[in-house]
């Protein structure tokens, strides 16, 4: 899926056009809002509770909140029409961007061009929000999913050391669960591109 095009303001029975990167178009009845909510059926994160209410709030992102999970980066690109927006899947490793006057164009896989009436400044702010959330997820994953080696068990431990070790084991078990649902799939290349120490001091939450 490449884009969710909002058509909720038309008289058609179909509220959304789904655009695929092979240029196929499918018209569906659910609005873009409903489709974004349904992402929780396929990904580990819920847009409303996990992204908007927890991560975006911690990062002080108050509007145009993107949906970020693994390599699936979905950003809002259109105006609010009939309480819905158009969404674009940013494939950050391959998409090429171009800015002319107050328009933004993106070239997808060197063969498809999409354009929106959005200035470069506005689009770069939205891209920045994507990077903030992706970097936050990367860092939080590292915090809750430490590496664990059998050598950590050692031979003899005090009760205090054993308590700390049990906490580490529980976090490791959580890491295995998160790994099975694809939560840990961030490449080193993306992490290097995101960070450069720009997002290093991020707020801590209960997420």
N, C-alpha and C. Protein backbone atom coordinates (compact mmCIF):
# COMPACT_ATOMS: atom_id res chain seq x y z
N UNK A 1 0.84 -1.19 0.00
CA UNK A 1 0.00 0.00 0.00
C UNK A 1 0.88 1.25 0.00
N UNK A 2 0.54 2.19 -0.86
CA UNK A 2 1.33 3.40 -0.99
C UNK A 2 0.61 4.63 -0.43
N UNK A 3 -0.71 4.71 -0.62
CA UNK A 3 -1.44 5.87 -0.13
C UNK A 3 -2.90 5.52 0.13
N UNK A 4 -3.47 6.23 1.10
CA UNK A 4 -4.90 6.18 1.37
C UNK A 4 -5.45 7.55 0.99
N UNK A 5 -6.19 7.60 -0.10
CA UNK A 5 -6.66 8.87 -0.64
C UNK A 5 -8.07 9.13 -0.15
N UNK A 6 -8.24 10.23 0.56
CA UNK A 6 -9.52 10.57 1.16
C UNK A 6 -10.53 11.03 0.11
N UNK A 7 -11.68 10.35 0.09
CA UNK A 7 -12.77 10.75 -0.81
C UNK A 7 -14.08 10.85 -0.04
N UNK A 8 -13.97 11.08 1.27
CA UNK A 8 -15.16 11.09 2.12
C UNK A 8 -16.08 12.27 1.85
N UNK A 9 -15.59 13.26 1.12
CA UNK A 9 -16.41 14.44 0.85
C UNK A 9 -17.23 14.30 -0.42
N UNK A 10 -17.11 13.19 -1.13
CA UNK A 10 -17.85 13.00 -2.38
C UNK A 10 -19.18 12.32 -2.10
N UNK A 11 -20.00 12.23 -3.11
CA UNK A 11 -21.30 11.57 -2.99
C UNK A 11 -21.21 10.08 -3.28
N UNK A 12 -20.01 9.61 -3.51
CA UNK A 12 -19.81 8.20 -3.82
C UNK A 12 -20.03 7.32 -2.59
N UNK A 13 -20.34 6.04 -2.84
CA UNK A 13 -20.45 5.09 -1.74
C UNK A 13 -19.07 4.71 -1.20
N UNK A 14 -18.04 5.06 -1.94
CA UNK A 14 -16.67 4.70 -1.56
C UNK A 14 -15.97 5.93 -0.97
N UNK A 15 -15.44 5.78 0.24
CA UNK A 15 -14.83 6.90 0.95
C UNK A 15 -13.32 6.99 0.81
N UNK A 16 -12.69 5.93 0.35
CA UNK A 16 -11.23 5.90 0.26
C UNK A 16 -10.79 5.20 -1.01
N UNK A 17 -9.74 5.73 -1.61
CA UNK A 17 -9.06 5.04 -2.71
C UNK A 17 -7.71 4.58 -2.18
N UNK A 18 -7.43 3.29 -2.27
CA UNK A 18 -6.14 2.74 -1.85
C UNK A 18 -5.25 2.65 -3.08
N UNK A 19 -4.11 3.31 -3.03
CA UNK A 19 -3.15 3.29 -4.14
C UNK A 19 -1.98 2.39 -3.76
N UNK A 20 -1.65 1.47 -4.65
CA UNK A 20 -0.52 0.57 -4.45
C UNK A 20 0.66 1.02 -5.30
N UNK A 21 1.87 0.60 -4.91
CA UNK A 21 3.05 1.09 -5.62
C UNK A 21 3.21 0.48 -7.01
N UNK A 22 2.36 -0.49 -7.36
CA UNK A 22 2.35 -0.97 -8.75
C UNK A 22 1.29 -0.25 -9.56
N UNK A 23 0.77 0.87 -8.98
CA UNK A 23 -0.20 1.77 -9.61
C UNK A 23 -1.62 1.22 -9.67
N UNK A 24 -1.90 0.15 -8.95
CA UNK A 24 -3.28 -0.33 -8.85
C UNK A 24 -4.07 0.58 -7.93
N UNK A 25 -5.35 0.75 -8.23
CA UNK A 25 -6.26 1.54 -7.41
C UNK A 25 -7.45 0.68 -6.98
N UNK A 26 -7.79 0.77 -5.70
CA UNK A 26 -8.95 0.04 -5.18
C UNK A 26 -9.82 1.01 -4.40
N UNK A 27 -11.11 1.06 -4.70
CA UNK A 27 -12.05 1.90 -3.96
C UNK A 27 -12.70 1.07 -2.86
N UNK A 28 -12.75 1.63 -1.63
CA UNK A 28 -13.34 0.91 -0.50
C UNK A 28 -14.29 1.83 0.26
N UNK A 29 -15.20 1.24 1.02
CA UNK A 29 -16.18 2.01 1.77
C UNK A 29 -15.63 2.66 3.05
N UNK A 30 -14.77 1.97 3.82
CA UNK A 30 -14.27 2.59 5.07
C UNK A 30 -13.52 3.90 4.80
N UNK A 31 -13.65 4.85 5.71
CA UNK A 31 -12.91 6.10 5.60
C UNK A 31 -11.44 5.86 5.93
N UNK A 32 -10.61 6.85 5.62
CA UNK A 32 -9.19 6.72 5.95
C UNK A 32 -8.99 6.62 7.46
N UNK A 33 -9.81 7.32 8.22
CA UNK A 33 -9.71 7.23 9.69
C UNK A 33 -9.91 5.79 10.16
N UNK A 34 -10.93 5.13 9.63
CA UNK A 34 -11.22 3.76 10.04
C UNK A 34 -10.12 2.80 9.60
N UNK A 35 -9.55 3.04 8.43
CA UNK A 35 -8.49 2.17 7.95
C UNK A 35 -7.23 2.30 8.80
N UNK A 36 -6.92 3.52 9.22
CA UNK A 36 -5.75 3.71 10.09
C UNK A 36 -5.98 3.04 11.44
N UNK A 37 -7.18 3.11 11.96
CA UNK A 37 -7.49 2.44 13.22
C UNK A 37 -7.32 0.93 13.10
N UNK A 38 -7.63 0.39 11.92
CA UNK A 38 -7.54 -1.06 11.72
C UNK A 38 -6.10 -1.56 11.63
N UNK A 39 -5.14 -0.65 11.56
CA UNK A 39 -3.74 -1.07 11.50
C UNK A 39 -3.34 -1.90 12.72
N UNK A 40 -4.05 -1.70 13.85
CA UNK A 40 -3.72 -2.45 15.06
C UNK A 40 -3.95 -3.95 14.88
N UNK A 41 -4.71 -4.32 13.85
CA UNK A 41 -4.93 -5.74 13.57
C UNK A 41 -3.72 -6.37 12.89
N UNK A 42 -2.83 -5.55 12.37
CA UNK A 42 -1.68 -6.05 11.62
C UNK A 42 -0.34 -5.67 12.23
N UNK A 43 -0.32 -4.65 13.09
CA UNK A 43 0.93 -4.18 13.66
C UNK A 43 0.86 -4.20 15.19
N UNK A 44 2.01 -4.07 15.81
CA UNK A 44 2.08 -4.15 17.27
C UNK A 44 1.58 -2.89 17.96
N UNK A 45 1.48 -1.79 17.22
CA UNK A 45 1.12 -0.51 17.83
C UNK A 45 -0.25 -0.03 17.37
N UNK A 46 -1.01 0.51 18.31
CA UNK A 46 -2.30 1.12 18.01
C UNK A 46 -2.10 2.62 17.79
N UNK A 47 -2.68 3.15 16.72
CA UNK A 47 -2.43 4.55 16.38
C UNK A 47 -2.89 5.50 17.46
N UNK A 48 -4.12 5.32 17.95
CA UNK A 48 -4.67 6.27 18.93
C UNK A 48 -3.99 6.16 20.29
N UNK A 49 -3.96 4.95 20.85
CA UNK A 49 -3.45 4.78 22.21
C UNK A 49 -1.93 4.84 22.30
N UNK A 50 -1.24 4.12 21.41
CA UNK A 50 0.22 4.02 21.51
C UNK A 50 0.94 5.21 20.87
N UNK A 51 0.50 5.58 19.66
CA UNK A 51 1.19 6.66 18.94
C UNK A 51 0.74 8.03 19.43
N UNK A 52 -0.57 8.31 19.33
CA UNK A 52 -1.06 9.66 19.65
C UNK A 52 -1.03 9.97 21.14
N UNK A 53 -1.59 9.08 21.95
CA UNK A 53 -1.76 9.36 23.37
C UNK A 53 -0.50 9.14 24.20
N UNK A 54 0.43 8.33 23.71
CA UNK A 54 1.62 8.03 24.50
C UNK A 54 2.88 8.65 23.90
N UNK A 55 3.26 8.19 22.71
CA UNK A 55 4.54 8.61 22.13
C UNK A 55 4.50 10.07 21.68
N UNK A 56 3.48 10.45 20.90
CA UNK A 56 3.39 11.83 20.42
C UNK A 56 3.27 12.80 21.59
N UNK A 57 2.52 12.42 22.60
CA UNK A 57 2.37 13.28 23.78
C UNK A 57 3.71 13.46 24.48
N UNK A 58 4.49 12.39 24.60
CA UNK A 58 5.80 12.49 25.24
C UNK A 58 6.75 13.38 24.46
N UNK A 59 6.61 13.37 23.12
CA UNK A 59 7.48 14.16 22.26
C UNK A 59 6.91 15.54 21.96
N UNK A 60 5.76 15.85 22.56
CA UNK A 60 5.10 17.15 22.36
C UNK A 60 4.70 17.36 20.90
N UNK A 61 4.30 16.29 20.23
CA UNK A 61 3.78 16.38 18.87
C UNK A 61 2.27 16.47 18.98
N UNK A 62 1.70 17.59 18.59
CA UNK A 62 0.29 17.84 18.85
C UNK A 62 -0.61 17.72 17.62
N UNK A 63 -0.03 17.75 16.43
CA UNK A 63 -0.88 17.63 15.24
C UNK A 63 -0.12 16.92 14.13
N UNK A 64 -0.88 16.46 13.13
CA UNK A 64 -0.31 15.72 12.00
C UNK A 64 0.57 14.57 12.49
N UNK A 65 0.05 13.81 13.43
CA UNK A 65 0.83 12.71 14.01
C UNK A 65 0.91 11.56 13.01
N UNK A 66 2.09 11.11 12.65
CA UNK A 66 2.22 9.99 11.72
C UNK A 66 2.05 8.65 12.44
N UNK A 67 1.88 7.60 11.66
CA UNK A 67 1.84 6.25 12.22
C UNK A 67 3.15 5.57 11.85
N UNK A 68 3.91 5.17 12.86
CA UNK A 68 5.22 4.56 12.64
C UNK A 68 5.26 3.21 13.34
N UNK A 69 5.55 2.15 12.61
CA UNK A 69 5.79 0.84 13.20
C UNK A 69 6.68 0.05 12.25
N UNK A 70 7.84 -0.38 12.77
CA UNK A 70 8.83 -1.07 11.95
C UNK A 70 9.19 -0.18 10.75
N UNK A 71 9.11 -0.72 9.53
CA UNK A 71 9.44 0.09 8.35
C UNK A 71 8.19 0.66 7.69
N UNK A 72 7.07 0.64 8.40
CA UNK A 72 5.82 1.17 7.87
C UNK A 72 5.62 2.57 8.43
N UNK A 73 5.91 3.59 7.60
CA UNK A 73 5.82 4.99 8.01
C UNK A 73 4.70 5.65 7.21
N UNK A 74 3.61 5.99 7.90
CA UNK A 74 2.44 6.57 7.24
C UNK A 74 2.25 7.99 7.74
N UNK A 75 2.33 8.96 6.83
CA UNK A 75 2.20 10.37 7.21
C UNK A 75 0.99 11.01 6.54
N UNK A 76 0.46 12.02 7.21
CA UNK A 76 -0.68 12.76 6.67
C UNK A 76 -0.18 13.79 5.65
N UNK A 77 -0.81 13.81 4.48
CA UNK A 77 -0.35 14.73 3.44
C UNK A 77 -1.46 15.66 2.92
N UNK A 78 -2.68 15.35 3.15
CA UNK A 78 -3.76 16.19 2.63
C UNK A 78 -4.44 16.99 3.71
N UNK A 79 -5.26 17.95 3.32
CA UNK A 79 -6.03 18.73 4.30
C UNK A 79 -7.12 17.87 4.91
N UNK A 80 -7.66 18.33 6.02
CA UNK A 80 -8.79 17.63 6.64
C UNK A 80 -10.05 17.92 5.83
N UNK A 81 -10.65 16.89 5.28
CA UNK A 81 -11.88 17.02 4.51
C UNK A 81 -12.85 15.96 5.02
N UNK A 82 -14.02 16.40 5.47
CA UNK A 82 -15.02 15.50 6.05
C UNK A 82 -14.40 14.70 7.20
N UNK A 83 -13.60 15.40 8.01
CA UNK A 83 -12.96 14.84 9.21
C UNK A 83 -11.94 13.74 8.89
N UNK A 84 -11.50 13.62 7.64
CA UNK A 84 -10.52 12.62 7.25
C UNK A 84 -9.38 13.28 6.49
N UNK A 85 -8.27 12.56 6.41
CA UNK A 85 -7.10 13.05 5.67
C UNK A 85 -6.65 12.00 4.66
N UNK A 86 -5.82 12.45 3.74
CA UNK A 86 -5.10 11.54 2.85
C UNK A 86 -3.78 11.18 3.53
N UNK A 87 -3.38 9.91 3.41
CA UNK A 87 -2.14 9.42 4.03
C UNK A 87 -1.21 8.86 2.96
N UNK A 88 0.09 9.05 3.18
CA UNK A 88 1.10 8.55 2.26
C UNK A 88 2.11 7.70 3.02
N UNK A 89 2.44 6.54 2.46
CA UNK A 89 3.46 5.69 3.08
C UNK A 89 4.84 6.12 2.59
N UNK A 90 5.61 6.69 3.50
CA UNK A 90 6.96 7.16 3.17
C UNK A 90 7.94 6.00 3.28
N UNK A 91 8.46 5.59 2.14
CA UNK A 91 9.50 4.56 2.11
C UNK A 91 10.84 5.29 2.16
N UNK A 92 11.26 5.56 3.39
CA UNK A 92 12.34 6.51 3.67
C UNK A 92 13.68 6.14 3.04
N UNK A 93 13.87 4.90 2.68
CA UNK A 93 15.16 4.50 2.12
C UNK A 93 15.23 4.66 0.61
N UNK A 94 14.11 4.90 -0.03
CA UNK A 94 14.15 4.94 -1.50
C UNK A 94 13.41 6.12 -2.12
N UNK A 95 12.45 6.71 -1.44
CA UNK A 95 11.69 7.81 -2.03
C UNK A 95 12.57 9.04 -2.26
N UNK A 96 12.31 9.74 -3.36
CA UNK A 96 13.04 10.96 -3.70
C UNK A 96 12.07 12.14 -3.67
N UNK A 97 12.49 13.24 -3.04
CA UNK A 97 11.61 14.39 -2.84
C UNK A 97 12.04 15.57 -3.70
N UNK A 98 11.04 16.33 -4.16
CA UNK A 98 11.30 17.52 -4.96
C UNK A 98 10.29 18.59 -4.54
N UNK A 99 10.74 19.84 -4.52
CA UNK A 99 9.88 20.94 -4.06
C UNK A 99 9.88 22.06 -5.10
N UNK A 100 8.70 22.43 -5.56
CA UNK A 100 8.54 23.50 -6.54
C UNK A 100 7.46 24.44 -6.05
N UNK A 101 7.82 25.72 -5.89
CA UNK A 101 6.88 26.72 -5.36
C UNK A 101 6.31 26.20 -4.03
N UNK A 102 5.00 26.10 -3.92
CA UNK A 102 4.38 25.59 -2.69
C UNK A 102 3.85 24.17 -2.88
N UNK A 103 4.49 23.43 -3.74
CA UNK A 103 4.10 22.04 -3.99
C UNK A 103 5.23 21.10 -3.61
N UNK A 104 4.85 19.93 -3.15
CA UNK A 104 5.80 18.87 -2.81
C UNK A 104 5.54 17.68 -3.71
N UNK A 105 6.60 17.17 -4.31
CA UNK A 105 6.50 15.97 -5.13
C UNK A 105 7.39 14.89 -4.55
N UNK A 106 6.92 13.65 -4.66
CA UNK A 106 7.74 12.53 -4.24
C UNK A 106 7.78 11.52 -5.39
N UNK A 107 8.96 11.01 -5.65
CA UNK A 107 9.16 10.00 -6.69
C UNK A 107 9.34 8.66 -6.00
N UNK A 108 8.43 7.75 -6.29
CA UNK A 108 8.43 6.44 -5.64
C UNK A 108 9.03 5.41 -6.57
N UNK A 109 10.14 4.80 -6.13
CA UNK A 109 10.81 3.75 -6.89
C UNK A 109 11.13 4.16 -8.33
N UNK A 110 11.43 5.43 -8.51
CA UNK A 110 11.90 5.97 -9.79
C UNK A 110 10.85 5.88 -10.91
N UNK A 111 9.60 5.61 -10.57
CA UNK A 111 8.63 5.46 -11.66
C UNK A 111 7.27 6.11 -11.40
N UNK A 112 6.95 6.45 -10.17
CA UNK A 112 5.65 7.05 -9.89
C UNK A 112 5.84 8.38 -9.17
N UNK A 113 5.13 9.41 -9.61
CA UNK A 113 5.25 10.74 -9.01
C UNK A 113 3.92 11.13 -8.39
N UNK A 114 3.97 11.53 -7.12
CA UNK A 114 2.79 12.05 -6.43
C UNK A 114 3.05 13.49 -6.03
N UNK A 115 2.02 14.31 -6.03
CA UNK A 115 2.19 15.73 -5.72
C UNK A 115 1.08 16.22 -4.81
N UNK A 116 1.45 17.10 -3.87
CA UNK A 116 0.48 17.70 -2.96
C UNK A 116 0.75 19.20 -2.86
N UNK A 117 -0.28 19.95 -2.56
CA UNK A 117 -0.14 21.40 -2.37
C UNK A 117 0.35 21.68 -0.96
N UNK A 118 1.59 21.26 -0.70
CA UNK A 118 2.23 21.42 0.61
C UNK A 118 3.62 22.01 0.38
N UNK A 119 3.97 23.02 1.15
CA UNK A 119 5.28 23.65 0.97
C UNK A 119 6.38 22.74 1.50
N UNK A 120 7.59 23.05 1.10
CA UNK A 120 8.74 22.27 1.56
C UNK A 120 8.87 22.35 3.08
N UNK A 121 8.67 23.53 3.65
CA UNK A 121 8.80 23.71 5.10
C UNK A 121 7.82 22.82 5.86
N UNK A 122 6.57 22.80 5.39
CA UNK A 122 5.55 21.99 6.06
C UNK A 122 5.85 20.51 5.93
N UNK A 123 6.25 20.08 4.72
CA UNK A 123 6.54 18.66 4.51
C UNK A 123 7.74 18.21 5.34
N UNK A 124 8.75 19.04 5.42
CA UNK A 124 9.93 18.66 6.20
C UNK A 124 9.60 18.56 7.69
N UNK A 125 8.65 19.36 8.16
CA UNK A 125 8.20 19.24 9.56
C UNK A 125 7.53 17.88 9.77
N UNK A 126 6.75 17.46 8.80
CA UNK A 126 6.06 16.18 8.92
C UNK A 126 7.05 15.01 8.85
N UNK A 127 8.05 15.15 8.01
CA UNK A 127 9.10 14.13 7.95
C UNK A 127 9.87 14.08 9.26
N UNK A 128 10.10 15.25 9.83
CA UNK A 128 10.80 15.34 11.11
C UNK A 128 10.03 14.59 12.20
N UNK A 129 8.71 14.72 12.20
CA UNK A 129 7.91 14.00 13.20
C UNK A 129 8.04 12.49 13.02
N UNK A 130 8.08 12.05 11.78
CA UNK A 130 8.27 10.61 11.53
C UNK A 130 9.59 10.13 12.13
N UNK A 131 10.65 10.91 11.91
CA UNK A 131 11.96 10.52 12.41
C UNK A 131 12.01 10.55 13.93
N UNK A 132 11.33 11.52 14.54
CA UNK A 132 11.29 11.59 15.99
C UNK A 132 10.66 10.33 16.59
N UNK A 133 9.51 9.95 16.04
CA UNK A 133 8.80 8.79 16.59
C UNK A 133 9.57 7.51 16.32
N UNK A 134 10.13 7.36 15.13
CA UNK A 134 10.91 6.16 14.82
C UNK A 134 12.13 6.04 15.73
N UNK A 135 12.80 7.16 15.97
CA UNK A 135 13.97 7.16 16.85
C UNK A 135 13.57 6.85 18.28
N UNK A 136 12.45 7.40 18.71
CA UNK A 136 11.94 7.13 20.06
C UNK A 136 11.68 5.63 20.23
N UNK A 137 11.01 5.02 19.24
CA UNK A 137 10.72 3.59 19.31
C UNK A 137 12.01 2.77 19.36
N UNK A 138 12.98 3.18 18.56
CA UNK A 138 14.26 2.47 18.54
C UNK A 138 14.91 2.51 19.92
N UNK A 139 14.93 3.66 20.54
CA UNK A 139 15.58 3.80 21.83
C UNK A 139 14.80 3.10 22.94
N UNK A 140 13.47 3.20 22.92
CA UNK A 140 12.68 2.52 23.93
C UNK A 140 12.79 1.01 23.81
N UNK A 141 12.89 0.52 22.57
CA UNK A 141 13.07 -0.91 22.37
C UNK A 141 14.38 -1.38 22.99
N UNK A 142 15.42 -0.59 22.82
CA UNK A 142 16.71 -0.95 23.41
C UNK A 142 16.64 -0.96 24.93
N UNK A 143 15.82 -0.09 25.52
CA UNK A 143 15.71 -0.02 26.98
C UNK A 143 14.96 -1.21 27.55
N UNK A 144 13.87 -1.61 26.88
CA UNK A 144 13.06 -2.70 27.43
C UNK A 144 13.53 -4.08 26.96
N UNK A 145 14.43 -4.10 25.99
CA UNK A 145 14.88 -5.38 25.43
C UNK A 145 16.40 -5.49 25.49
N UNK A 146 16.98 -5.62 26.68
CA UNK A 146 18.44 -5.73 26.77
C UNK A 146 18.92 -7.08 26.28
N UNK A 147 20.18 -7.16 25.90
CA UNK A 147 20.75 -8.45 25.54
C UNK A 147 20.92 -9.28 26.79
N UNK A 148 20.88 -10.59 26.65
CA UNK A 148 20.98 -11.47 27.81
C UNK A 148 21.84 -12.67 27.45
N UNK A 149 22.81 -12.96 28.29
CA UNK A 149 23.71 -14.09 28.08
C UNK A 149 23.64 -15.02 29.28
N UNK A 150 23.81 -16.31 29.01
CA UNK A 150 23.79 -17.28 30.10
C UNK A 150 24.89 -17.01 31.11
N UNK A 151 25.96 -16.38 30.63
CA UNK A 151 27.07 -16.07 31.54
C UNK A 151 26.64 -15.11 32.63
N UNK A 152 25.55 -14.36 32.36
CA UNK A 152 25.06 -13.42 33.37
C UNK A 152 24.57 -14.14 34.63
N UNK A 153 24.21 -15.43 34.47
CA UNK A 153 23.71 -16.17 35.62
C UNK A 153 24.78 -16.40 36.68
N UNK A 154 26.01 -16.62 36.20
CA UNK A 154 27.10 -16.81 37.15
C UNK A 154 26.91 -18.05 38.01
N UNK A 155 27.50 -18.04 39.18
CA UNK A 155 27.44 -19.19 40.08
C UNK A 155 26.72 -18.84 41.39
N UNK A 156 27.19 -17.83 42.07
CA UNK A 156 26.55 -17.45 43.33
C UNK A 156 26.22 -15.97 43.29
N UNK A 157 25.06 -15.62 43.88
CA UNK A 157 24.62 -14.23 43.87
C UNK A 157 23.97 -13.89 45.20
N UNK A 158 24.03 -12.63 45.54
CA UNK A 158 23.28 -12.15 46.70
C UNK A 158 21.83 -11.99 46.27
N UNK A 159 20.95 -11.81 47.24
CA UNK A 159 19.53 -11.60 46.93
C UNK A 159 19.32 -10.36 46.07
N UNK A 160 20.10 -9.33 46.34
CA UNK A 160 19.98 -8.08 45.57
C UNK A 160 20.35 -8.30 44.11
N UNK A 161 21.43 -9.03 43.89
CA UNK A 161 21.86 -9.32 42.52
C UNK A 161 20.85 -10.20 41.82
N UNK A 162 20.28 -11.19 42.54
CA UNK A 162 19.29 -12.07 41.95
C UNK A 162 18.03 -11.31 41.55
N UNK A 163 17.63 -10.35 42.37
CA UNK A 163 16.46 -9.53 42.04
C UNK A 163 16.69 -8.76 40.75
N UNK A 164 17.87 -8.17 40.61
CA UNK A 164 18.19 -7.43 39.40
C UNK A 164 18.23 -8.36 38.19
N UNK A 165 18.75 -9.57 38.43
CA UNK A 165 18.84 -10.54 37.34
C UNK A 165 17.45 -10.98 36.88
N UNK A 166 16.52 -11.14 37.81
CA UNK A 166 15.16 -11.54 37.46
C UNK A 166 14.47 -10.45 36.64
N UNK A 167 14.74 -9.20 36.99
CA UNK A 167 14.18 -8.09 36.21
C UNK A 167 14.71 -8.15 34.78
N UNK A 168 15.99 -8.43 34.65
CA UNK A 168 16.60 -8.51 33.32
C UNK A 168 16.03 -9.68 32.53
N UNK A 169 15.79 -10.81 33.20
CA UNK A 169 15.21 -11.97 32.53
C UNK A 169 13.79 -11.65 32.03
N UNK A 170 13.01 -10.94 32.86
CA UNK A 170 11.65 -10.58 32.45
C UNK A 170 11.68 -9.66 31.24
N UNK A 171 12.62 -8.73 31.21
CA UNK A 171 12.75 -7.84 30.05
C UNK A 171 13.16 -8.63 28.81
N UNK A 172 14.02 -9.62 29.00
CA UNK A 172 14.46 -10.43 27.88
C UNK A 172 13.28 -11.24 27.32
N UNK A 173 12.44 -11.78 28.22
CA UNK A 173 11.25 -12.51 27.78
C UNK A 173 10.32 -11.60 27.00
N UNK A 174 10.20 -10.34 27.45
CA UNK A 174 9.38 -9.37 26.74
C UNK A 174 9.96 -9.09 25.36
N UNK A 175 11.29 -9.03 25.29
CA UNK A 175 11.95 -8.80 24.00
C UNK A 175 11.62 -9.91 23.01
N UNK A 176 11.59 -11.15 23.48
CA UNK A 176 11.26 -12.27 22.59
C UNK A 176 9.84 -12.13 22.04
N UNK A 177 8.91 -11.71 22.91
CA UNK A 177 7.53 -11.52 22.47
C UNK A 177 7.44 -10.40 21.45
N UNK A 178 8.09 -9.26 21.75
CA UNK A 178 8.06 -8.12 20.83
C UNK A 178 8.70 -8.49 19.50
N UNK A 179 9.75 -9.30 19.56
CA UNK A 179 10.42 -9.72 18.34
C UNK A 179 9.51 -10.52 17.43
N UNK A 180 8.66 -11.37 18.03
CA UNK A 180 7.77 -12.21 17.24
C UNK A 180 6.73 -11.39 16.48
N UNK A 181 6.35 -10.24 17.01
CA UNK A 181 5.37 -9.41 16.31
C UNK A 181 6.03 -8.33 15.46
N UNK A 182 7.35 -8.41 15.32
CA UNK A 182 8.05 -7.51 14.41
C UNK A 182 8.39 -6.15 14.98
N UNK A 183 8.30 -6.00 16.30
CA UNK A 183 8.52 -4.70 16.91
C UNK A 183 9.96 -4.23 16.79
N UNK A 184 10.90 -5.17 16.67
CA UNK A 184 12.31 -4.82 16.73
C UNK A 184 12.93 -4.58 15.36
N UNK A 185 12.14 -4.57 14.32
CA UNK A 185 12.70 -4.52 12.97
C UNK A 185 13.01 -3.09 12.54
N UNK A 186 14.08 -2.55 13.06
CA UNK A 186 14.63 -1.29 12.59
C UNK A 186 16.04 -1.57 12.12
N UNK A 187 16.38 -1.16 10.91
CA UNK A 187 17.72 -1.45 10.40
C UNK A 187 18.73 -0.47 10.96
N UNK A 188 20.00 -0.90 10.98
CA UNK A 188 21.06 -0.02 11.46
C UNK A 188 21.18 1.22 10.59
N UNK A 189 20.94 1.03 9.28
CA UNK A 189 21.05 2.17 8.37
C UNK A 189 20.04 3.25 8.72
N UNK A 190 18.82 2.84 9.01
CA UNK A 190 17.79 3.81 9.37
C UNK A 190 18.15 4.49 10.68
N UNK A 191 18.61 3.72 11.64
CA UNK A 191 18.97 4.27 12.94
C UNK A 191 20.10 5.30 12.79
N UNK A 192 21.10 4.97 11.99
CA UNK A 192 22.20 5.92 11.77
C UNK A 192 21.70 7.19 11.11
N UNK A 193 20.81 7.04 10.15
CA UNK A 193 20.27 8.21 9.44
C UNK A 193 19.44 9.08 10.36
N UNK A 194 18.72 8.44 11.28
CA UNK A 194 17.83 9.19 12.16
C UNK A 194 18.57 9.96 13.23
N UNK A 195 19.49 9.29 13.88
CA UNK A 195 19.99 9.84 15.11
C UNK A 195 21.03 10.95 14.95
N UNK A 196 22.27 10.58 14.70
CA UNK A 196 23.35 11.57 14.70
C UNK A 196 23.24 12.44 15.96
N UNK A 197 22.77 11.82 17.03
CA UNK A 197 22.62 12.48 18.33
C UNK A 197 21.56 13.58 18.34
N UNK A 198 20.75 13.66 17.30
CA UNK A 198 19.75 14.73 17.25
C UNK A 198 18.57 14.45 18.17
N UNK A 199 18.24 13.16 18.33
CA UNK A 199 17.08 12.82 19.13
C UNK A 199 17.47 12.00 20.36
N UNK A 200 18.67 12.21 20.83
CA UNK A 200 19.19 11.32 21.86
C UNK A 200 18.50 11.52 23.21
N UNK A 201 18.27 12.77 23.60
CA UNK A 201 17.65 13.04 24.90
C UNK A 201 16.14 13.09 24.74
N UNK A 202 15.52 11.93 24.79
CA UNK A 202 14.08 11.83 24.62
C UNK A 202 13.42 11.57 25.98
N UNK A 203 12.19 12.04 26.17
CA UNK A 203 11.51 11.84 27.45
C UNK A 203 11.20 10.38 27.70
N UNK A 204 11.19 10.00 28.96
CA UNK A 204 10.86 8.64 29.35
C UNK A 204 9.37 8.55 29.65
N UNK A 205 8.74 7.45 29.28
CA UNK A 205 7.32 7.25 29.55
C UNK A 205 7.14 5.83 30.06
N UNK A 206 5.89 5.47 30.32
CA UNK A 206 5.58 4.12 30.76
C UNK A 206 5.36 3.19 29.57
N UNK A 207 5.59 3.66 28.37
CA UNK A 207 5.36 2.86 27.17
C UNK A 207 6.29 1.63 27.17
